[in-house]
PDB file of N, CA and C in Angstrom:
ATOM      1  N   MET A   1     -24.933 -52.988  67.506  1.00  0.00           N
ATOM      2  CA  MET A   1     -25.018 -52.136  66.341  1.00  0.00           C
ATOM      3  C   MET A   1     -26.472 -51.681  66.171  1.00  0.00           C
ATOM      4  N   GLU A   2     -26.632 -50.414  65.903  1.00  0.00           N
ATOM      5  CA  GLU A   2     -27.965 -49.862  65.694  1.00  0.00           C
ATOM      6  C   GLU A   2     -28.470 -50.233  64.304  1.00  0.00           C
ATOM      7  N   ARG A   3     -29.741 -50.600  64.244  1.00  0.00           N
ATOM      8  CA  ARG A   3     -30.351 -50.954  62.956  1.00  0.00           C
ATOM      9  C   ARG A   3     -30.671 -49.678  62.186  1.00  0.00           C
ATOM     10  N   PRO A   4     -30.478 -49.708  60.871  1.00  0.00           N
ATOM     11  CA  PRO A   4     -30.810 -48.520  60.082  1.00  0.00           C
ATOM     12  C   PRO A   4     -32.320 -48.337  59.898  1.00  0.00           C
ATOM     13  N   TYR A   5     -33.105 -49.401  60.153  1.00  0.00           N
ATOM     14  CA  TYR A   5     -34.554 -49.330  59.952  1.00  0.00           C
ATOM     15  C   TYR A   5     -35.279 -49.961  61.131  1.00  0.00           C
ATOM     16  N   ASP A   6     -36.436 -49.402  61.455  1.00  0.00           N
ATOM     17  CA  ASP A   6     -37.298 -49.984  62.484  1.00  0.00           C
ATOM     18  C   ASP A   6     -38.557 -50.590  61.878  1.00  0.00           C
ATOM     19  N   VAL A   7     -38.899 -50.138  60.672  1.00  0.00           N
ATOM     20  CA  VAL A   7     -40.128 -50.558  60.010  1.00  0.00           C
ATOM     21  C   VAL A   7     -39.767 -51.126  58.641  1.00  0.00           C
ATOM     22  N   ILE A   8     -40.388 -52.242  58.305  1.00  0.00           N
ATOM     23  CA  ILE A   8     -40.199 -52.850  56.985  1.00  0.00           C
ATOM     24  C   ILE A   8     -41.580 -53.030  56.367  1.00  0.00           C
ATOM     25  N   THR A   9     -41.735 -52.574  55.126  1.00  0.00           N
ATOM     26  CA  THR A   9     -43.013 -52.729  54.431  1.00  0.00           C
ATOM     27  C   THR A   9     -42.835 -53.649  53.225  1.00  0.00           C
ATOM     28  N   PHE A  10     -43.916 -54.289  52.870  1.00  0.00           N
ATOM     29  CA  PHE A  10     -43.910 -55.243  51.770  1.00  0.00           C
ATOM     30  C   PHE A  10     -45.100 -54.992  50.863  1.00  0.00           C
ATOM     31  N   ASP A  11     -44.907 -55.240  49.580  1.00  0.00           N
ATOM     32  CA  ASP A  11     -46.030 -55.384  48.669  1.00  0.00           C
ATOM     33  C   ASP A  11     -46.652 -56.736  49.006  1.00  0.00           C
ATOM     34  N   CYS A  12     -47.928 -56.876  48.826  1.00  0.00           N
ATOM     35  CA  CYS A  12     -48.612 -58.102  49.229  1.00  0.00           C
ATOM     36  C   CYS A  12     -48.569 -59.175  48.138  1.00  0.00           C
ATOM     37  N   TYR A  13     -49.201 -58.891  47.004  1.00  0.00           N
ATOM     38  CA  TYR A  13     -49.394 -59.914  45.980  1.00  0.00           C
ATOM     39  C   TYR A  13     -48.159 -60.039  45.104  1.00  0.00           C
ATOM     40  N   GLY A  14     -47.626 -61.253  45.065  1.00  0.00           N
ATOM     41  CA  GLY A  14     -46.404 -61.515  44.325  1.00  0.00           C
ATOM     42  C   GLY A  14     -45.169 -61.438  45.194  1.00  0.00           C
ATOM     43  N   THR A  15     -45.283 -60.842  46.370  1.00  0.00           N
ATOM     44  CA  THR A  15     -44.171 -60.765  47.314  1.00  0.00           C
ATOM     45  C   THR A  15     -44.434 -61.686  48.496  1.00  0.00           C
ATOM     46  N   LEU A  16     -45.546 -61.488  49.159  1.00  0.00           N
ATOM     47  CA  LEU A  16     -45.929 -62.321  50.299  1.00  0.00           C
ATOM     48  C   LEU A  16     -46.929 -63.404  49.896  1.00  0.00           C
ATOM     49  N   ILE A  17     -47.816 -63.066  48.990  1.00  0.00           N
ATOM     50  CA  ILE A  17     -48.894 -63.963  48.564  1.00  0.00           C
ATOM     51  C   ILE A  17     -48.622 -64.448  47.145  1.00  0.00           C
ATOM     52  N   ASP A  18     -48.765 -65.751  46.945  1.00  0.00           N
ATOM     53  CA  ASP A  18     -48.560 -66.359  45.632  1.00  0.00           C
ATOM     54  C   ASP A  18     -49.797 -66.098  44.769  1.00  0.00           C
ATOM     55  N   TRP A  19     -49.842 -64.904  44.201  1.00  0.00           N
ATOM     56  CA  TRP A  19     -51.025 -64.483  43.466  1.00  0.00           C
ATOM     57  C   TRP A  19     -51.203 -65.266  42.170  1.00  0.00           C
ATOM     58  N   GLU A  20     -50.121 -65.719  41.548  1.00  0.00           N
ATOM     59  CA  GLU A  20     -50.272 -66.504  40.322  1.00  0.00           C
ATOM     60  C   GLU A  20     -50.972 -67.828  40.619  1.00  0.00           C
ATOM     61  N   ARG A  21     -50.597 -68.451  41.717  1.00  0.00           N
ATOM     62  CA  ARG A  21     -51.283 -69.690  42.102  1.00  0.00           C
ATOM     63  C   ARG A  21     -52.737 -69.402  42.465  1.00  0.00           C
ATOM     64  N   GLY A  22     -52.979 -68.317  43.176  1.00  0.00           N
ATOM     65  CA  GLY A  22     -54.348 -67.953  43.523  1.00  0.00           C
ATOM     66  C   GLY A  22     -55.206 -67.730  42.294  1.00  0.00           C
ATOM     67  N   ILE A  23     -54.656 -67.035  41.309  1.00  0.00           N
ATOM     68  CA  ILE A  23     -55.392 -66.756  40.074  1.00  0.00           C
ATOM     69  C   ILE A  23     -55.671 -68.044  39.308  1.00  0.00           C
ATOM     70  N   THR A  24     -54.635 -68.854  39.103  1.00  0.00           N
ATOM     71  CA  THR A  24     -54.830 -70.081  38.322  1.00  0.00           C
ATOM     72  C   THR A  24     -55.755 -71.057  39.042  1.00  0.00           C
ATOM     73  N   ASP A  25     -55.636 -71.170  40.363  1.00  0.00           N
ATOM     74  CA  ASP A  25     -56.548 -72.050  41.109  1.00  0.00           C
ATOM     75  C   ASP A  25     -57.992 -71.573  40.976  1.00  0.00           C
ATOM     76  N   ALA A  26     -58.200 -70.258  41.068  1.00  0.00           N
ATOM     77  CA  ALA A  26     -59.558 -69.710  40.970  1.00  0.00           C
ATOM     78  C   ALA A  26     -60.152 -69.948  39.583  1.00  0.00           C
ATOM     79  N   PHE A  27     -59.369 -69.696  38.538  1.00  0.00           N
ATOM     80  CA  PHE A  27     -59.874 -69.926  37.184  1.00  0.00           C
ATOM     81  C   PHE A  27     -60.130 -71.405  36.935  1.00  0.00           C
ATOM     82  N   SER A  28     -59.231 -72.270  37.388  1.00  0.00           N
ATOM     83  CA  SER A  28     -59.433 -73.710  37.207  1.00  0.00           C
ATOM     84  C   SER A  28     -60.711 -74.172  37.889  1.00  0.00           C
ATOM     85  N   ALA A  29     -60.926 -73.721  39.124  1.00  0.00           N
ATOM     86  CA  ALA A  29     -62.124 -74.116  39.871  1.00  0.00           C
ATOM     87  C   ALA A  29     -63.387 -73.584  39.208  1.00  0.00           C
ATOM     88  N   GLU A  30     -63.358 -72.333  38.769  1.00  0.00           N
ATOM     89  CA  GLU A  30     -64.554 -71.746  38.157  1.00  0.00           C
ATOM     90  C   GLU A  30     -64.853 -72.391  36.809  1.00  0.00           C
ATOM     91  N   LEU A  31     -63.820 -72.668  36.040  1.00  0.00           N
ATOM     92  CA  LEU A  31     -64.032 -73.360  34.766  1.00  0.00           C
ATOM     93  C   LEU A  31     -64.609 -74.752  35.001  1.00  0.00           C
ATOM     94  N   ALA A  32     -64.108 -75.451  36.015  1.00  0.00           N
ATOM     95  CA  ALA A  32     -64.638 -76.782  36.336  1.00  0.00           C
ATOM     96  C   ALA A  32     -66.105 -76.696  36.738  1.00  0.00           C
ATOM     97  N   THR A  33     -66.459 -75.670  37.511  1.00  0.00           N
ATOM     98  CA  THR A  33     -67.855 -75.461  37.904  1.00  0.00           C
ATOM     99  C   THR A  33     -68.731 -75.260  36.672  1.00  0.00           C
ATOM    100  N   ALA A  34     -68.170 -74.606  35.658  1.00  0.00           N
ATOM    101  CA  ALA A  34     -68.911 -74.350  34.415  1.00  0.00           C
ATOM    102  C   ALA A  34     -68.856 -75.539  33.457  1.00  0.00           C
ATOM    103  N   GLY A  35     -68.162 -76.617  33.873  1.00  0.00           N
ATOM    104  CA  GLY A  35     -68.056 -77.792  33.019  1.00  0.00           C
ATOM    105  C   GLY A  35     -67.036 -77.641  31.918  1.00  0.00           C
ATOM    106  N   ALA A  36     -66.064 -76.760  32.114  1.00  0.00           N
ATOM    107  CA  ALA A  36     -65.029 -76.512  31.108  1.00  0.00           C
ATOM    108  C   ALA A  36     -63.660 -76.643  31.767  1.00  0.00           C
ATOM    109  N   SER A  37     -62.641 -76.548  30.974  1.00  0.00           N
ATOM    110  CA  SER A  37     -61.279 -76.531  31.507  1.00  0.00           C
ATOM    111  C   SER A  37     -60.402 -75.764  30.530  1.00  0.00           C
ATOM    112  N   ALA A  38     -59.243 -75.376  31.019  1.00  0.00           N
ATOM    113  CA  ALA A  38     -58.282 -74.667  30.170  1.00  0.00           C
ATOM    114  C   ALA A  38     -56.898 -74.866  30.757  1.00  0.00           C
ATOM    115  N   ASP A  39     -55.911 -74.862  29.899  1.00  0.00           N
ATOM    116  CA  ASP A  39     -54.527 -74.879  30.353  1.00  0.00           C
ATOM    117  C   ASP A  39     -54.279 -73.564  31.079  1.00  0.00           C
ATOM    118  N   VAL A  40     -53.762 -73.629  32.303  1.00  0.00           N
ATOM    119  CA  VAL A  40     -53.619 -72.408  33.101  1.00  0.00           C
ATOM    120  C   VAL A  40     -52.513 -71.486  32.600  1.00  0.00           C
ATOM    121  N   ARG A  41     -51.555 -71.984  31.842  1.00  0.00           N
ATOM    122  CA  ARG A  41     -50.476 -71.102  31.363  1.00  0.00           C
ATOM    123  C   ARG A  41     -50.998 -69.985  30.470  1.00  0.00           C
ATOM    124  N   PRO A  42     -51.835 -70.291  29.459  1.00  0.00           N
ATOM    125  CA  PRO A  42     -52.391 -69.183  28.669  1.00  0.00           C
ATOM    126  C   PRO A  42     -53.311 -68.284  29.485  1.00  0.00           C
ATOM    127  N   VAL A  43     -54.026 -68.864  30.455  1.00  0.00           N
ATOM    128  CA  VAL A  43     -54.890 -68.056  31.322  1.00  0.00           C
ATOM    129  C   VAL A  43     -54.041 -67.035  32.058  1.00  0.00           C
ATOM    130  N   LEU A  44     -52.950 -67.485  32.636  1.00  0.00           N
ATOM    131  CA  LEU A  44     -52.082 -66.587  33.397  1.00  0.00           C
ATOM    132  C   LEU A  44     -51.425 -65.552  32.489  1.00  0.00           C
ATOM    133  N   ALA A  45     -50.991 -65.965  31.310  1.00  0.00           N
ATOM    134  CA  ALA A  45     -50.389 -65.012  30.370  1.00  0.00           C
ATOM    135  C   ALA A  45     -51.401 -63.939  29.975  1.00  0.00           C
ATOM    136  N   ALA A  46     -52.630 -64.353  29.695  1.00  0.00           N
ATOM    137  CA  ALA A  46     -53.670 -63.383  29.339  1.00  0.00           C
ATOM    138  C   ALA A  46     -53.993 -62.485  30.527  1.00  0.00           C
ATOM    139  N   TYR A  47     -54.001 -63.047  31.715  1.00  0.00           N
ATOM    140  CA  TYR A  47     -54.271 -62.248  32.913  1.00  0.00           C
ATOM    141  C   TYR A  47     -53.234 -61.131  33.041  1.00  0.00           C
ATOM    142  N   HIS A  48     -51.960 -61.492  32.863  1.00  0.00           N
ATOM    143  CA  HIS A  48     -50.881 -60.497  32.973  1.00  0.00           C
ATOM    144  C   HIS A  48     -51.016 -59.397  31.916  1.00  0.00           C
ATOM    145  N   GLU A  49     -51.630 -59.706  30.812  1.00  0.00           N
ATOM    146  CA  GLU A  49     -51.843 -58.711  29.762  1.00  0.00           C
ATOM    147  C   GLU A  49     -53.067 -57.831  30.058  1.00  0.00           C
ATOM    148  N   ILE A  50     -54.144 -58.445  30.523  1.00  0.00           N
ATOM    149  CA  ILE A  50     -55.419 -57.734  30.689  1.00  0.00           C
ATOM    150  C   ILE A  50     -55.461 -56.879  31.950  1.00  0.00           C
ATOM    151  N   GLU A  51     -54.970 -57.387  33.073  1.00  0.00           N
ATOM    152  CA  GLU A  51     -55.112 -56.641  34.327  1.00  0.00           C
ATOM    153  C   GLU A  51     -54.496 -55.237  34.264  1.00  0.00           C
ATOM    154  N   PRO A  52     -53.290 -55.052  33.711  1.00  0.00           N
ATOM    155  CA  PRO A  52     -52.747 -53.687  33.645  1.00  0.00           C
ATOM    156  C   PRO A  52     -53.602 -52.737  32.803  1.00  0.00           C
ATOM    157  N   ILE A  53     -54.246 -53.264  31.784  1.00  0.00           N
ATOM    158  CA  ILE A  53     -55.137 -52.428  30.971  1.00  0.00           C
ATOM    159  C   ILE A  53     -56.310 -51.958  31.822  1.00  0.00           C
ATOM    160  N   VAL A  54     -56.906 -52.881  32.559  1.00  0.00           N
ATOM    161  CA  VAL A  54     -58.035 -52.537  33.431  1.00  0.00           C
ATOM    162  C   VAL A  54     -57.592 -51.519  34.483  1.00  0.00           C
ATOM    163  N   GLU A  55     -56.403 -51.703  35.035  1.00  0.00           N
ATOM    164  CA  GLU A  55     -55.906 -50.791  36.079  1.00  0.00           C
ATOM    165  C   GLU A  55     -55.638 -49.387  35.544  1.00  0.00           C
ATOM    166  N   ARG A  56     -55.289 -49.268  34.264  1.00  0.00           N
ATOM    167  CA  ARG A  56     -55.010 -47.945  33.684  1.00  0.00           C
ATOM    168  C   ARG A  56     -56.278 -47.161  33.377  1.00  0.00           C
ATOM    169  N   GLU A  57     -57.390 -47.823  33.340  1.00  0.00           N
ATOM    170  CA  GLU A  57     -58.655 -47.157  33.047  1.00  0.00           C
ATOM    171  C   GLU A  57     -59.122 -46.388  34.282  1.00  0.00           C
ATOM    172  N   THR A  58     -60.370 -46.055  34.314  1.00  0.00           N
ATOM    173  CA  THR A  58     -60.931 -45.319  35.442  1.00  0.00           C
ATOM    174  C   THR A  58     -60.658 -46.045  36.763  1.00  0.00           C
ATOM    175  N   TYR A  59     -60.619 -45.276  37.855  1.00  0.00           N
ATOM    176  CA  TYR A  59     -60.351 -45.877  39.161  1.00  0.00           C
ATOM    177  C   TYR A  59     -61.372 -46.976  39.458  1.00  0.00           C
ATOM    178  N   ARG A  60     -60.864 -48.097  39.942  1.00  0.00           N
ATOM    179  CA  ARG A  60     -61.691 -49.205  40.424  1.00  0.00           C
ATOM    180  C   ARG A  60     -61.046 -49.735  41.696  1.00  0.00           C
ATOM    181  N   SER A  61     -61.860 -50.228  42.604  1.00  0.00           N
ATOM    182  CA  SER A  61     -61.309 -50.948  43.751  1.00  0.00           C
ATOM    183  C   SER A  61     -60.618 -52.205  43.213  1.00  0.00           C
ATOM    184  N   TYR A  62     -59.718 -52.791  44.016  1.00  0.00           N
ATOM    185  CA  TYR A  62     -59.028 -53.993  43.542  1.00  0.00           C
ATOM    186  C   TYR A  62     -60.034 -55.109  43.278  1.00  0.00           C
ATOM    187  N   ARG A  63     -61.059 -55.186  44.089  1.00  0.00           N
ATOM    188  CA  ARG A  63     -62.112 -56.186  43.874  1.00  0.00           C
ATOM    189  C   ARG A  63     -62.736 -55.999  42.485  1.00  0.00           C
ATOM    190  N   ASP A  64     -63.012 -54.762  42.108  1.00  0.00           N
ATOM    191  CA  ASP A  64     -63.600 -54.489  40.795  1.00  0.00           C
ATOM    192  C   ASP A  64     -62.600 -54.720  39.663  1.00  0.00           C
ATOM    193  N   VAL A  65     -61.320 -54.457  39.917  1.00  0.00           N
ATOM    194  CA  VAL A  65     -60.283 -54.761  38.920  1.00  0.00           C
ATOM    195  C   VAL A  65     -60.275 -56.262  38.646  1.00  0.00           C
ATOM    196  N   LEU A  66     -60.302 -57.058  39.706  1.00  0.00           N
ATOM    197  CA  LEU A  66     -60.299 -58.513  39.536  1.00  0.00           C
ATOM    198  C   LEU A  66     -61.537 -58.984  38.781  1.00  0.00           C
ATOM    199  N   THR A  67     -62.683 -58.421  39.113  1.00  0.00           N
ATOM    200  CA  THR A  67     -63.934 -58.819  38.466  1.00  0.00           C
ATOM    201  C   THR A  67     -63.925 -58.465  36.985  1.00  0.00           C
ATOM    202  N   GLU A  68     -63.511 -57.253  36.651  1.00  0.00           N
ATOM    203  CA  GLU A  68     -63.473 -56.836  35.243  1.00  0.00           C
ATOM    204  C   GLU A  68     -62.419 -57.625  34.468  1.00  0.00           C
ATOM    205  N   THR A  69     -61.286 -57.890  35.090  1.00  0.00           N
ATOM    206  CA  THR A  69     -60.249 -58.687  34.433  1.00  0.00           C
ATOM    207  C   THR A  69     -60.768 -60.089  34.148  1.00  0.00           C
ATOM    208  N   ALA A  70     -61.473 -60.679  35.100  1.00  0.00           N
ATOM    209  CA  ALA A  70     -62.047 -62.018  34.896  1.00  0.00           C
ATOM    210  C   ALA A  70     -63.046 -62.006  33.744  1.00  0.00           C
ATOM    211  N   ARG A  71     -63.871 -60.982  33.675  1.00  0.00           N
ATOM    212  CA  ARG A  71     -64.848 -60.875  32.568  1.00  0.00           C
ATOM    213  C   ARG A  71     -64.135 -60.851  31.212  1.00  0.00           C
ATOM    214  N   ARG A  72     -63.131 -60.000  31.111  1.00  0.00           N
ATOM    215  CA  ARG A  72     -62.430 -59.850  29.825  1.00  0.00           C
ATOM    216  C   ARG A  72     -61.653 -61.109  29.461  1.00  0.00           C
ATOM    217  N   LEU A  73     -61.053 -61.726  30.453  1.00  0.00           N
ATOM    218  CA  LEU A  73     -60.306 -62.945  30.193  1.00  0.00           C
ATOM    219  C   LEU A  73     -61.254 -64.057  29.753  1.00  0.00           C
ATOM    220  N   ALA A  74     -62.396 -64.152  30.388  1.00  0.00           N
ATOM    221  CA  ALA A  74     -63.389 -65.159  29.992  1.00  0.00           C
ATOM    222  C   ALA A  74     -63.810 -64.948  28.539  1.00  0.00           C
ATOM    223  N   ARG A  75     -64.064 -63.693  28.170  1.00  0.00           N
ATOM    224  CA  ARG A  75     -64.430 -63.395  26.771  1.00  0.00           C
ATOM    225  C   ARG A  75     -63.332 -63.859  25.823  1.00  0.00           C
ATOM    226  N   ARG A  76     -62.093 -63.577  26.201  1.00  0.00           N
ATOM    227  CA  ARG A  76     -60.976 -63.968  25.338  1.00  0.00           C
ATOM    228  C   ARG A  76     -60.915 -65.485  25.183  1.00  0.00           C
ATOM    229  N   LEU A  77     -61.244 -66.206  26.240  1.00  0.00           N
ATOM    230  CA  LEU A  77     -61.228 -67.672  26.183  1.00  0.00           C
ATOM    231  C   LEU A  77     -62.453 -68.242  25.469  1.00  0.00           C
ATOM    232  N   GLY A  78     -63.423 -67.365  25.145  1.00  0.00           N
ATOM    233  CA  GLY A  78     -64.655 -67.841  24.541  1.00  0.00           C
ATOM    234  C   GLY A  78     -65.568 -68.505  25.556  1.00  0.00           C
ATOM    235  N   TRP A  79     -65.420 -68.120  26.793  1.00  0.00           N
ATOM    236  CA  TRP A  79     -66.168 -68.695  27.909  1.00  0.00           C
ATOM    237  C   TRP A  79     -67.267 -67.715  28.299  1.00  0.00           C
ATOM    238  N   ALA A  80     -68.499 -68.176  28.285  1.00  0.00           N
ATOM    239  CA  ALA A  80     -69.641 -67.331  28.642  1.00  0.00           C
ATOM    240  C   ALA A  80     -69.759 -67.270  30.164  1.00  0.00           C
ATOM    241  N   LEU A  81     -69.036 -66.356  30.766  1.00  0.00           N
ATOM    242  CA  LEU A  81     -69.054 -66.181  32.221  1.00  0.00           C
ATOM    243  C   LEU A  81     -70.287 -65.373  32.600  1.00  0.00           C
ATOM    244  N   PRO A  82     -71.216 -65.969  33.339  1.00  0.00           N
ATOM    245  CA  PRO A  82     -72.410 -65.218  33.737  1.00  0.00           C
ATOM    246  C   PRO A  82     -72.047 -64.052  34.660  1.00  0.00           C
ATOM    247  N   ASP A  83     -72.734 -62.933  34.519  1.00  0.00           N
ATOM    248  CA  ASP A  83     -72.474 -61.772  35.382  1.00  0.00           C
ATOM    249  C   ASP A  83     -72.547 -62.132  36.856  1.00  0.00           C
ATOM    250  N   ALA A  84     -73.458 -63.030  37.203  1.00  0.00           N
ATOM    251  CA  ALA A  84     -73.622 -63.424  38.608  1.00  0.00           C
ATOM    252  C   ALA A  84     -72.390 -64.144  39.152  1.00  0.00           C
ATOM    253  N   ARG A  85     -71.532 -64.669  38.266  1.00  0.00           N
ATOM    254  CA  ARG A  85     -70.325 -65.386  38.698  1.00  0.00           C
ATOM    255  C   ARG A  85     -69.051 -64.579  38.443  1.00  0.00           C
ATOM    256  N   ALA A  86     -69.162 -63.389  37.890  1.00  0.00           N
ATOM    257  CA  ALA A  86     -67.984 -62.616  37.478  1.00  0.00           C
ATOM    258  C   ALA A  86     -67.072 -62.237  38.633  1.00  0.00           C
ATOM    259  N   SER A  87     -67.579 -62.257  39.849  1.00  0.00           N
ATOM    260  CA  SER A  87     -66.743 -61.893  41.005  1.00  0.00           C
ATOM    261  C   SER A  87     -65.998 -63.089  41.591  1.00  0.00           C
ATOM    262  N   PHE A  88     -66.004 -64.235  40.894  1.00  0.00           N
ATOM    263  CA  PHE A  88     -65.374 -65.431  41.457  1.00  0.00           C
ATOM    264  C   PHE A  88     -63.906 -65.201  41.814  1.00  0.00           C
ATOM    265  N   LEU A  89     -63.195 -64.438  41.001  1.00  0.00           N
ATOM    266  CA  LEU A  89     -61.778 -64.211  41.262  1.00  0.00           C
ATOM    267  C   LEU A  89     -61.596 -63.359  42.513  1.00  0.00           C
ATOM    268  N   ALA A  90     -62.340 -62.285  42.613  1.00  0.00           N
ATOM    269  CA  ALA A  90     -62.276 -61.440  43.810  1.00  0.00           C
ATOM    270  C   ALA A  90     -62.719 -62.221  45.045  1.00  0.00           C
ATOM    271  N   ASP A  91     -63.728 -63.063  44.889  1.00  0.00           N
ATOM    272  CA  ASP A  91     -64.210 -63.861  46.017  1.00  0.00           C
ATOM    273  C   ASP A  91     -63.155 -64.853  46.499  1.00  0.00           C
ATOM    274  N   SER A  92     -62.278 -65.286  45.603  1.00  0.00           N
ATOM    275  CA  SER A  92     -61.249 -66.271  45.958  1.00  0.00           C
ATOM    276  C   SER A  92     -60.052 -65.649  46.673  1.00  0.00           C
ATOM    277  N   LEU A  93     -59.937 -64.346  46.608  1.00  0.00           N
ATOM    278  CA  LEU A  93     -58.760 -63.636  47.125  1.00  0.00           C
ATOM    279  C   LEU A  93     -58.363 -64.020  48.552  1.00  0.00           C
ATOM    280  N   PRO A  94     -59.288 -64.113  49.505  1.00  0.00           N
ATOM    281  CA  PRO A  94     -58.867 -64.465  50.869  1.00  0.00           C
ATOM    282  C   PRO A  94     -58.202 -65.839  50.980  1.00  0.00           C
ATOM    283  N   GLY A  95     -58.413 -66.704  49.989  1.00  0.00           N
ATOM    284  CA  GLY A  95     -57.818 -68.032  50.022  1.00  0.00           C
ATOM    285  C   GLY A  95     -56.501 -68.155  49.280  1.00  0.00           C
ATOM    286  N   TRP A  96     -56.019 -67.055  48.686  1.00  0.00           N
ATOM    287  CA  TRP A  96     -54.753 -67.135  47.968  1.00  0.00           C
ATOM    288  C   TRP A  96     -53.641 -67.433  48.966  1.00  0.00           C
ATOM    289  N   PRO A  97     -52.782 -68.401  48.654  1.00  0.00           N
ATOM    290  CA  PRO A  97     -51.799 -68.843  49.649  1.00  0.00           C
ATOM    291  C   PRO A  97     -50.571 -67.935  49.714  1.00  0.00           C
ATOM    292  N   PRO A  98     -49.987 -67.851  50.899  1.00  0.00           N
ATOM    293  CA  PRO A  98     -48.694 -67.172  50.993  1.00  0.00           C
ATOM    294  C   PRO A  98     -47.618 -68.078  50.395  1.00  0.00           C
ATOM    295  N   PHE A  99     -46.516 -67.479  49.992  1.00  0.00           N
ATOM    296  CA  PHE A  99     -45.368 -68.285  49.593  1.00  0.00           C
ATOM    297  C   PHE A  99     -44.889 -69.059  50.819  1.00  0.00           C
ATOM    298  N   PRO A 100     -44.242 -70.212  50.628  1.00  0.00           N
ATOM    299  CA  PRO A 100     -43.835 -71.030  51.771  1.00  0.00           C
ATOM    300  C   PRO A 100     -42.938 -70.310  52.779  1.00  0.00           C
ATOM    301  N   ASP A 101     -42.139 -69.368  52.322  1.00  0.00           N
ATOM    302  CA  ASP A 101     -41.221 -68.688  53.245  1.00  0.00           C
ATOM    303  C   ASP A 101     -41.802 -67.422  53.868  1.00  0.00           C
ATOM    304  N   THR A 102     -43.016 -67.043  53.485  1.00  0.00           N
ATOM    305  CA  THR A 102     -43.594 -65.783  53.960  1.00  0.00           C
ATOM    306  C   THR A 102     -43.775 -65.752  55.469  1.00  0.00           C
ATOM    307  N   ASN A 103     -44.543 -66.683  56.006  1.00  0.00           N
ATOM    308  CA  ASN A 103     -44.833 -66.640  57.442  1.00  0.00           C
ATOM    309  C   ASN A 103     -43.584 -66.781  58.302  1.00  0.00           C
ATOM    310  N   PRO A 104     -42.689 -67.757  58.015  1.00  0.00           N
ATOM    311  CA  PRO A 104     -41.476 -67.840  58.836  1.00  0.00           C
ATOM    312  C   PRO A 104     -40.629 -66.562  58.781  1.00  0.00           C
ATOM    313  N   ALA A 105     -40.530 -65.951  57.606  1.00  0.00           N
ATOM    314  CA  ALA A 105     -39.728 -64.726  57.486  1.00  0.00           C
ATOM    315  C   ALA A 105     -40.354 -63.586  58.278  1.00  0.00           C
ATOM    316  N   LEU A 106     -41.667 -63.419  58.166  1.00  0.00           N
ATOM    317  CA  LEU A 106     -42.338 -62.350  58.912  1.00  0.00           C
ATOM    318  C   LEU A 106     -42.237 -62.588  60.416  1.00  0.00           C
ATOM    319  N   GLU A 107     -42.348 -63.841  60.833  1.00  0.00           N
ATOM    320  CA  GLU A 107     -42.217 -64.160  62.259  1.00  0.00           C
ATOM    321  C   GLU A 107     -40.818 -63.819  62.770  1.00  0.00           C
ATOM    322  N   ARG A 108     -39.785 -64.140  61.991  1.00  0.00           N
ATOM    323  CA  ARG A 108     -38.406 -63.812  62.402  1.00  0.00           C
ATOM    324  C   ARG A 108     -38.207 -62.306  62.498  1.00  0.00           C
ATOM    325  N   LEU A 109     -38.711 -61.582  61.523  1.00  0.00           N
ATOM    326  CA  LEU A 109     -38.563 -60.122  61.548  1.00  0.00           C
ATOM    327  C   LEU A 109     -39.309 -59.511  62.730  1.00  0.00           C
ATOM    328  N   ALA A 110     -40.519 -59.989  62.991  1.00  0.00           N
ATOM    329  CA  ALA A 110     -41.288 -59.476  64.129  1.00  0.00           C
ATOM    330  C   ALA A 110     -40.583 -59.803  65.443  1.00  0.00           C
ATOM    331  N   ALA A 111     -40.044 -61.019  65.547  1.00  0.00           N
ATOM    332  CA  ALA A 111     -39.329 -61.416  66.767  1.00  0.00           C
ATOM    333  C   ALA A 111     -38.068 -60.584  66.966  1.00  0.00           C
ATOM    334  N   ALA A 112     -37.489 -60.102  65.879  1.00  0.00           N
ATOM    335  CA  ALA A 112     -36.291 -59.254  65.965  1.00  0.00           C
ATOM    336  C   ALA A 112     -36.648 -57.813  66.300  1.00  0.00           C
ATOM    337  N   GLY A 113     -37.941 -57.524  66.434  1.00  0.00           N
ATOM    338  CA  GLY A 113     -38.365 -56.195  66.853  1.00  0.00           C
ATOM    339  C   GLY A 113     -38.745 -55.239  65.740  1.00  0.00           C
ATOM    340  N   TYR A 114     -38.760 -55.713  64.512  1.00  0.00           N
ATOM    341  CA  TYR A 114     -39.167 -54.839  63.409  1.00  0.00           C
ATOM    342  C   TYR A 114     -40.682 -54.681  63.399  1.00  0.00           C
ATOM    343  N   ARG A 115     -41.131 -53.489  63.076  1.00  0.00           N
ATOM    344  CA  ARG A 115     -42.552 -53.257  62.810  1.00  0.00           C
ATOM    345  C   ARG A 115     -42.764 -53.541  61.334  1.00  0.00           C
ATOM    346  N   LEU A 116     -43.829 -54.263  61.024  1.00  0.00           N
ATOM    347  CA  LEU A 116     -44.061 -54.720  59.660  1.00  0.00           C
ATOM    348  C   LEU A 116     -45.328 -54.106  59.099  1.00  0.00           C
ATOM    349  N   GLY A 117     -45.310 -53.834  57.811  1.00  0.00           N
ATOM    350  CA  GLY A 117     -46.487 -53.282  57.152  1.00  0.00           C
ATOM    351  C   GLY A 117     -46.626 -53.840  55.753  1.00  0.00           C
ATOM    352  N   ILE A 118     -47.851 -53.892  55.295  1.00  0.00           N
ATOM    353  CA  ILE A 118     -48.151 -54.335  53.932  1.00  0.00           C
ATOM    354  C   ILE A 118     -48.742 -53.161  53.175  1.00  0.00           C
ATOM    355  N   LEU A 119     -48.214 -52.907  51.995  1.00  0.00           N
ATOM    356  CA  LEU A 119     -48.699 -51.806  51.157  1.00  0.00           C
ATOM    357  C   LEU A 119     -49.668 -52.325  50.125  1.00  0.00           C
TER     358      LEU A 119
END
């Protein structure tokens, strides 16, 4: 049987990469570095509220979106995030983990001959 598709594309964050874990791990680590802590649930809820606002404003690279979102979230938490550390979230991005089923699923699709892309 002929396949209806030869190429499959995926959104990256939230589909292949566990971005919520990446965000909460980054905030927890940065808060610990600053000698503070916070329950990650409100951090994540605030993140989900703030990031879309930042994205609707003037064009920013994703790195700059993450940095500005971190600044605003820190302000909301009453945390004095130094400008020199404001990029901690963007800096953590390469370490955000894939979901457990991501790599095996992509390997199976590639082995089946599909071309894969990330949007």
